[in-house]
Amino acid sequence: MKKQLFNYETLLKITNAISHSKDPEEVVLITVESIKTALNVKGCTLFLINRQTDELEVAASFGLSEEYINKGPLSALKSIGDSLKEGPVAIFDVADDPRIQYPEAAKKEGIASLVSVPVVSGGRIIGALRIYTAEPWEFTLENLNFIQAMANITGMAIGMARHLRGMKESIEVLKTLRDPRTLKSKRRTPFEGVPRSVSVAH
């Protein structure tokens, strides 16, 4: 990962790719691939929080092996939990840091350093964006701010895509309700709405 890659050109490439997607699943896939490629890092993974289990579940990953991705459950509270509470967290040596849940798996995967930043949507933390490097990397404040900006954009894109999907589903439901084949007759009879206990003659 080279310092000159942290610039507006990189940000433009990534946001341009994300902006063309209107589906949440596609947004996360494009995000991790674009970030990994643009920053020339080993890998990039986007996690979303499962509120029922308090675990970080992989939404999309690019550059990492299936074995590493499926290494085991990640606790949102234990796995670099500070990054979900206090902001970006950079780890220089993943093989020797107590915040890493699976240090041996990271070493086997060839991961040297990583940075984890929260992903926010609608003012709520929904997950984490993590970038992995093959060589030890001392992330600067500029680096962290740049990666956090990308995570913020990702969160907004996911939120908008989910909102758009919800709107589309609502429109389809309304279309079904308005379908003449599914509607009952709207013509009212003289006796419609009269309580059964009341005599019609009166």
C-alpha atoms as a PDB file:
ATOM      1  CA  MET A   1       0.000   0.000   0.000  1.00  0.00           C
ATOM      2  CA  LYS A   2       1.513   3.271  -1.083  1.00  0.00           C
ATOM      3  CA  LYS A   3       0.889   6.614   0.525  1.00  0.00           C
ATOM      4  CA  GLN A   4       0.159   8.367  -2.756  1.00  0.00           C
ATOM      5  CA  LEU A   5      -2.837   6.093  -3.237  1.00  0.00           C
ATOM      6  CA  PHE A   6      -4.626   7.851  -0.388  1.00  0.00           C
ATOM      7  CA  ASN A   7      -5.931  10.741  -2.458  1.00  0.00           C
ATOM      8  CA  TYR A   8      -9.018  12.180  -4.068  1.00  0.00           C
ATOM      9  CA  GLU A   9      -8.505  10.163  -7.243  1.00  0.00           C
ATOM     10  CA  THR A  10      -8.803   6.939  -5.258  1.00  0.00           C
ATOM     11  CA  LEU A  11     -11.855   8.231  -3.415  1.00  0.00           C
ATOM     12  CA  LEU A  12     -13.453   9.227  -6.732  1.00  0.00           C
ATOM     13  CA  LYS A  13     -12.890   5.764  -8.216  1.00  0.00           C
ATOM     14  CA  ILE A  14     -14.467   4.053  -5.241  1.00  0.00           C
ATOM     15  CA  THR A  15     -17.458   6.381  -4.882  1.00  0.00           C
ATOM     16  CA  ASN A  16     -18.089   6.229  -8.623  1.00  0.00           C
ATOM     17  CA  ALA A  17     -18.248   2.437  -8.476  1.00  0.00           C
ATOM     18  CA  ILE A  18     -20.536   2.423  -5.447  1.00  0.00           C
ATOM     19  CA  SER A  19     -22.865   5.099  -6.843  1.00  0.00           C
ATOM     20  CA  HIS A  20     -23.788   2.899  -9.803  1.00  0.00           C
ATOM     21  CA  SER A  21     -25.261   0.205  -7.576  1.00  0.00           C
ATOM     22  CA  LYS A  22     -28.793   0.251  -6.188  1.00  0.00           C
ATOM     23  CA  ASP A  23     -28.798  -3.137  -4.461  1.00  0.00           C
ATOM     24  CA  PRO A  24     -27.376  -3.571  -0.910  1.00  0.00           C
ATOM     25  CA  GLU A  25     -25.599  -6.828  -1.762  1.00  0.00           C
ATOM     26  CA  GLU A  26     -24.060  -5.308  -4.869  1.00  0.00           C
ATOM     27  CA  VAL A  27     -22.989  -2.214  -2.926  1.00  0.00           C
ATOM     28  CA  VAL A  28     -20.937  -4.214  -0.421  1.00  0.00           C
ATOM     29  CA  LEU A  29     -19.353  -6.385  -3.111  1.00  0.00           C
ATOM     30  CA  ILE A  30     -18.321  -3.394  -5.197  1.00  0.00           C
ATOM     31  CA  THR A  31     -17.059  -1.596  -2.089  1.00  0.00           C
ATOM     32  CA  VAL A  32     -14.610  -4.252  -0.912  1.00  0.00           C
ATOM     33  CA  GLU A  33     -13.326  -4.979  -4.409  1.00  0.00           C
ATOM     34  CA  SER A  34     -12.875  -1.290  -5.232  1.00  0.00           C
ATOM     35  CA  ILE A  35     -11.063  -0.504  -1.964  1.00  0.00           C
ATOM     36  CA  LYS A  36      -8.784  -3.543  -2.185  1.00  0.00           C
ATOM     37  CA  THR A  37      -7.848  -2.753  -5.767  1.00  0.00           C
ATOM     38  CA  ALA A  38      -7.526   1.009  -5.387  1.00  0.00           C
ATOM     39  CA  LEU A  39      -5.370   0.847  -2.262  1.00  0.00           C
ATOM     40  CA  ASN A  40      -3.371  -2.151  -3.476  1.00  0.00           C
ATOM     41  CA  VAL A  41      -3.756  -4.020  -0.173  1.00  0.00           C
ATOM     42  CA  LYS A  42      -3.987  -7.733   0.558  1.00  0.00           C
ATOM     43  CA  GLY A  43      -7.686  -7.739   1.269  1.00  0.00           C
ATOM     44  CA  CYS A  44     -10.781  -5.884   2.383  1.00  0.00           C
ATOM     45  CA  THR A  45     -13.806  -7.156   4.275  1.00  0.00           C
ATOM     46  CA  LEU A  46     -17.079  -5.549   5.235  1.00  0.00           C
ATOM     47  CA  PHE A  47     -18.786  -6.909   8.343  1.00  0.00           C
ATOM     48  CA  LEU A  48     -22.349  -6.252   9.470  1.00  0.00           C
ATOM     49  CA  ILE A  49     -23.475  -6.634  13.086  1.00  0.00           C
ATOM     50  CA  ASN A  50     -25.983  -9.346  13.901  1.00  0.00           C
ATOM     51  CA  ARG A  51     -27.967  -7.686  16.709  1.00  0.00           C
ATOM     52  CA  GLN A  52     -29.312 -11.006  17.980  1.00  0.00           C
ATOM     53  CA  THR A  53     -25.924 -12.680  18.456  1.00  0.00           C
ATOM     54  CA  ASP A  54     -23.662  -9.603  18.790  1.00  0.00           C
ATOM     55  CA  GLU A  55     -21.424 -11.125  16.145  1.00  0.00           C
ATOM     56  CA  LEU A  56     -19.780  -9.577  13.116  1.00  0.00           C
ATOM     57  CA  GLU A  57     -20.935 -11.401  10.006  1.00  0.00           C
ATOM     58  CA  VAL A  58     -19.119 -11.149   6.689  1.00  0.00           C
ATOM     59  CA  ALA A  59     -21.222  -9.217   4.202  1.00  0.00           C
ATOM     60  CA  ALA A  60     -18.526  -9.190   1.510  1.00  0.00           C
ATOM     61  CA  SER A  61     -14.806  -9.843   1.239  1.00  0.00           C
ATOM     62  CA  PHE A  62     -12.196  -9.551  -1.486  1.00  0.00           C
ATOM     63  CA  GLY A  63      -8.606 -10.786  -1.554  1.00  0.00           C
ATOM     64  CA  LEU A  64      -8.848 -13.208   1.381  1.00  0.00           C
ATOM     65  CA  SER A  65      -9.172 -17.001   1.290  1.00  0.00           C
ATOM     66  CA  GLU A  66     -12.387 -18.866   2.089  1.00  0.00           C
ATOM     67  CA  GLU A  67     -10.552 -20.634   4.897  1.00  0.00           C
ATOM     68  CA  TYR A  68      -9.721 -17.351   6.611  1.00  0.00           C
ATOM     69  CA  ILE A  69     -13.151 -15.855   6.048  1.00  0.00           C
ATOM     70  CA  ASN A  70     -14.772 -18.940   7.621  1.00  0.00           C
ATOM     71  CA  LYS A  71     -12.272 -19.238  10.491  1.00  0.00           C
ATOM     72  CA  GLY A  72     -14.971 -18.863  13.144  1.00  0.00           C
ATOM     73  CA  PRO A  73     -17.464 -16.439  14.708  1.00  0.00           C
ATOM     74  CA  LEU A  74     -16.304 -12.894  15.401  1.00  0.00           C
ATOM     75  CA  SER A  75     -17.584 -11.179  18.513  1.00  0.00           C
ATOM     76  CA  ALA A  76     -18.549  -7.555  18.000  1.00  0.00           C
ATOM     77  CA  LEU A  77     -17.478  -6.964  21.595  1.00  0.00           C
ATOM     78  CA  LYS A  78     -14.151  -8.800  21.516  1.00  0.00           C
ATOM     79  CA  SER A  79     -12.898  -8.572  17.951  1.00  0.00           C
ATOM     80  CA  ILE A  80     -11.332  -5.114  17.947  1.00  0.00           C
ATOM     81  CA  GLY A  81     -14.432  -3.922  19.770  1.00  0.00           C
ATOM     82  CA  ASP A  82     -12.940  -0.467  20.251  1.00  0.00           C
ATOM     83  CA  SER A  83     -13.325   0.210  16.529  1.00  0.00           C
ATOM     84  CA  LEU A  84     -17.092   0.026  16.939  1.00  0.00           C
ATOM     85  CA  LYS A  85     -17.133   2.367  19.917  1.00  0.00           C
ATOM     86  CA  GLU A  86     -14.278   4.835  19.576  1.00  0.00           C
ATOM     87  CA  GLY A  87     -13.555   4.917  15.858  1.00  0.00           C
ATOM     88  CA  PRO A  88     -10.670   3.658  13.699  1.00  0.00           C
ATOM     89  CA  VAL A  89      -8.245   1.146  15.212  1.00  0.00           C
ATOM     90  CA  ALA A  90      -4.948   0.274  13.512  1.00  0.00           C
ATOM     91  CA  ILE A  91      -2.992  -2.846  14.428  1.00  0.00           C
ATOM     92  CA  PHE A  92       0.632  -3.004  13.335  1.00  0.00           C
ATOM     93  CA  ASP A  93       1.285  -6.667  14.207  1.00  0.00           C
ATOM     94  CA  VAL A  94      -1.801  -8.887  14.107  1.00  0.00           C
ATOM     95  CA  ALA A  95       0.206 -11.896  15.333  1.00  0.00           C
ATOM     96  CA  ASP A  96       0.976 -10.163  18.629  1.00  0.00           C
ATOM     97  CA  ASP A  97      -2.084  -8.163  19.634  1.00  0.00           C
ATOM     98  CA  PRO A  98      -4.680  -9.288  22.226  1.00  0.00           C
ATOM     99  CA  ARG A  99      -7.493  -7.625  20.267  1.00  0.00           C
ATOM    100  CA  ILE A 100      -7.169 -10.190  17.472  1.00  0.00           C
ATOM    101  CA  GLN A 101      -9.413 -13.220  18.026  1.00  0.00           C
ATOM    102  CA  TYR A 102      -7.617 -15.521  15.602  1.00  0.00           C
ATOM    103  CA  PRO A 103      -3.927 -14.509  15.466  1.00  0.00           C
ATOM    104  CA  GLU A 104      -2.756 -17.906  14.171  1.00  0.00           C
ATOM    105  CA  ALA A 105      -5.261 -17.804  11.331  1.00  0.00           C
ATOM    106  CA  ALA A 106      -4.133 -14.272  10.431  1.00  0.00           C
ATOM    107  CA  LYS A 107      -0.496 -15.376  10.420  1.00  0.00           C
ATOM    108  CA  LYS A 108      -1.301 -18.357   8.199  1.00  0.00           C
ATOM    109  CA  GLU A 109      -3.216 -16.085   5.838  1.00  0.00           C
ATOM    110  CA  GLY A 110      -0.177 -13.835   5.516  1.00  0.00           C
ATOM    111  CA  ILE A 111      -1.739 -10.797   7.164  1.00  0.00           C
ATOM    112  CA  ALA A 112       0.718  -8.446   8.837  1.00  0.00           C
ATOM    113  CA  SER A 113      -1.308  -5.339   9.705  1.00  0.00           C
ATOM    114  CA  LEU A 114      -4.902  -4.266   9.585  1.00  0.00           C
ATOM    115  CA  VAL A 115      -7.148  -1.316  10.243  1.00  0.00           C
ATOM    116  CA  SER A 116     -10.762  -1.517  11.387  1.00  0.00           C
ATOM    117  CA  VAL A 117     -13.233   1.361  11.153  1.00  0.00           C
ATOM    118  CA  PRO A 118     -16.951   1.513  12.007  1.00  0.00           C
ATOM    119  CA  VAL A 119     -19.603   1.622   9.297  1.00  0.00           C
ATOM    120  CA  VAL A 120     -22.479   3.936  10.152  1.00  0.00           C
ATOM    121  CA  SER A 121     -25.891   4.224   8.530  1.00  0.00           C
ATOM    122  CA  GLY A 122     -28.573   6.613   9.718  1.00  0.00           C
ATOM    123  CA  GLY A 123     -26.535   7.561  12.768  1.00  0.00           C
ATOM    124  CA  ARG A 124     -26.293   3.933  13.880  1.00  0.00           C
ATOM    125  CA  ILE A 125     -23.241   1.662  13.734  1.00  0.00           C
ATOM    126  CA  ILE A 126     -24.157  -1.259  11.477  1.00  0.00           C
ATOM    127  CA  GLY A 127     -20.776  -2.919  11.027  1.00  0.00           C
ATOM    128  CA  ALA A 128     -17.069  -2.557  10.401  1.00  0.00           C
ATOM    129  CA  LEU A 129     -14.815  -2.126   7.395  1.00  0.00           C
ATOM    130  CA  ARG A 130     -11.422  -3.803   7.682  1.00  0.00           C
ATOM    131  CA  ILE A 131      -8.396  -3.488   5.460  1.00  0.00           C
ATOM    132  CA  TYR A 132      -5.590  -6.054   5.603  1.00  0.00           C
ATOM    133  CA  THR A 133      -1.974  -5.634   4.450  1.00  0.00           C
ATOM    134  CA  ALA A 134       0.641  -8.283   3.704  1.00  0.00           C
ATOM    135  CA  GLU A 135       3.485  -6.076   4.935  1.00  0.00           C
ATOM    136  CA  PRO A 136       3.687  -4.304   8.326  1.00  0.00           C
ATOM    137  CA  TRP A 137       2.112  -0.896   7.929  1.00  0.00           C
ATOM    138  CA  GLU A 138       2.069   2.031  10.305  1.00  0.00           C
ATOM    139  CA  PHE A 139      -1.168   3.769   9.486  1.00  0.00           C
ATOM    140  CA  THR A 140      -1.035   7.540   9.800  1.00  0.00           C
ATOM    141  CA  LEU A 141      -3.912   9.763  10.916  1.00  0.00           C
ATOM    142  CA  GLU A 142      -4.324  10.761   7.280  1.00  0.00           C
ATOM    143  CA  ASN A 143      -4.661   7.100   6.297  1.00  0.00           C
ATOM    144  CA  LEU A 144      -7.222   6.415   8.998  1.00  0.00           C
ATOM    145  CA  ASN A 145      -9.287   9.483   8.122  1.00  0.00           C
ATOM    146  CA  PHE A 146      -9.300   8.447   4.481  1.00  0.00           C
ATOM    147  CA  ILE A 147     -10.421   4.887   5.253  1.00  0.00           C
ATOM    148  CA  GLN A 148     -13.069   6.174   7.675  1.00  0.00           C
ATOM    149  CA  ALA A 149     -14.392   8.457   4.951  1.00  0.00           C
ATOM    150  CA  MET A 150     -14.761   5.449   2.652  1.00  0.00           C
ATOM    151  CA  ALA A 151     -16.555   3.538   5.411  1.00  0.00           C
ATOM    152  CA  ASN A 152     -18.949   6.468   5.925  1.00  0.00           C
ATOM    153  CA  ILE A 153     -19.724   6.568   2.214  1.00  0.00           C
ATOM    154  CA  THR A 154     -20.283   2.818   2.250  1.00  0.00           C
ATOM    155  CA  GLY A 155     -22.710   3.138   5.163  1.00  0.00           C
ATOM    156  CA  MET A 156     -24.693   5.815   3.346  1.00  0.00           C
ATOM    157  CA  ALA A 157     -24.748   3.740   0.158  1.00  0.00           C
ATOM    158  CA  ILE A 158     -26.024   0.681   2.024  1.00  0.00           C
ATOM    159  CA  GLY A 159     -28.692   2.761   3.755  1.00  0.00           C
ATOM    160  CA  MET A 160     -29.853   4.312   0.482  1.00  0.00           C
ATOM    161  CA  ALA A 161     -29.853   0.947  -1.302  1.00  0.00           C
ATOM    162  CA  ARG A 162     -31.912  -0.615   1.484  1.00  0.00           C
ATOM    163  CA  HIS A 163     -34.329   2.318   1.399  1.00  0.00           C
ATOM    164  CA  LEU A 164     -34.670   2.028  -2.388  1.00  0.00           C
ATOM    165  CA  ARG A 165     -35.294  -1.704  -2.136  1.00  0.00           C
ATOM    166  CA  GLY A 166     -37.955  -1.075   0.512  1.00  0.00           C
ATOM    167  CA  MET A 167     -39.640   1.492  -1.712  1.00  0.00           C
ATOM    168  CA  LYS A 168     -39.646  -0.889  -4.665  1.00  0.00           C
ATOM    169  CA  GLU A 169     -41.154  -3.663  -2.560  1.00  0.00           C
ATOM    170  CA  SER A 170     -43.811  -1.283  -1.246  1.00  0.00           C
ATOM    171  CA  ILE A 171     -44.671  -0.179  -4.774  1.00  0.00           C
ATOM    172  CA  GLU A 172     -45.042  -3.801  -5.868  1.00  0.00           C
ATOM    173  CA  VAL A 173     -47.368  -4.466  -2.925  1.00  0.00           C
ATOM    174  CA  LEU A 174     -49.463  -1.409  -3.816  1.00  0.00           C
ATOM    175  CA  LYS A 175     -49.638  -2.530  -7.451  1.00  0.00           C
ATOM    176  CA  THR A 176     -50.946  -5.896  -6.302  1.00  0.00           C
ATOM    177  CA  LEU A 177     -53.546  -4.264  -4.069  1.00  0.00           C
ATOM    178  CA  ARG A 178     -54.715  -2.055  -6.930  1.00  0.00           C
ATOM    179  CA  ASP A 179     -54.874  -4.909  -9.418  1.00  0.00           C
ATOM    180  CA  PRO A 180     -58.552  -5.061 -10.620  1.00  0.00           C
ATOM    181  CA  ARG A 181     -58.326  -8.851 -10.577  1.00  0.00           C
ATOM    182  CA  THR A 182     -57.664  -8.838  -6.827  1.00  0.00           C
ATOM    183  CA  LEU A 183     -60.089  -6.072  -5.847  1.00  0.00           C
ATOM    184  CA  LYS A 184     -63.580  -6.685  -4.542  1.00  0.00           C
ATOM    185  CA  SER A 185     -66.475  -4.715  -5.956  1.00  0.00           C
ATOM    186  CA  LYS A 186     -66.609  -1.124  -4.699  1.00  0.00           C
ATOM    187  CA  ARG A 187     -70.345  -0.763  -5.447  1.00  0.00           C
ATOM    188  CA  ARG A 188     -72.349  -0.299  -2.268  1.00  0.00           C
ATOM    189  CA  THR A 189     -75.791  -1.822  -1.686  1.00  0.00           C
ATOM    190  CA  PRO A 190     -78.646  -0.164   0.268  1.00  0.00           C
ATOM    191  CA  PHE A 191     -78.124  -2.678   3.083  1.00  0.00           C
ATOM    192  CA  GLU A 192     -74.340  -2.501   3.280  1.00  0.00           C
ATOM    193  CA  GLY A 193     -73.090  -1.488   6.678  1.00  0.00           C
ATOM    194  CA  VAL A 194     -76.411  -1.998   8.471  1.00  0.00           C
ATOM    195  CA  PRO A 195     -75.947  -3.921  11.757  1.00  0.00           C
ATOM    196  CA  ARG A 196     -77.553  -7.343  11.659  1.00  0.00           C
ATOM    197  CA  SER A 197     -79.442  -6.652  14.881  1.00  0.00           C
ATOM    198  CA  VAL A 198     -81.294  -3.771  13.208  1.00  0.00           C
ATOM    199  CA  SER A 199     -84.323  -4.502  11.136  1.00  0.00           C
ATOM    200  CA  VAL A 200     -83.924  -3.279   7.576  1.00  0.00           C
ATOM    201  CA  ALA A 201     -87.611  -2.478   7.404  1.00  0.00           C
ATOM    202  CA  HIS A 202     -87.163   0.227  10.058  1.00  0.00           C
END
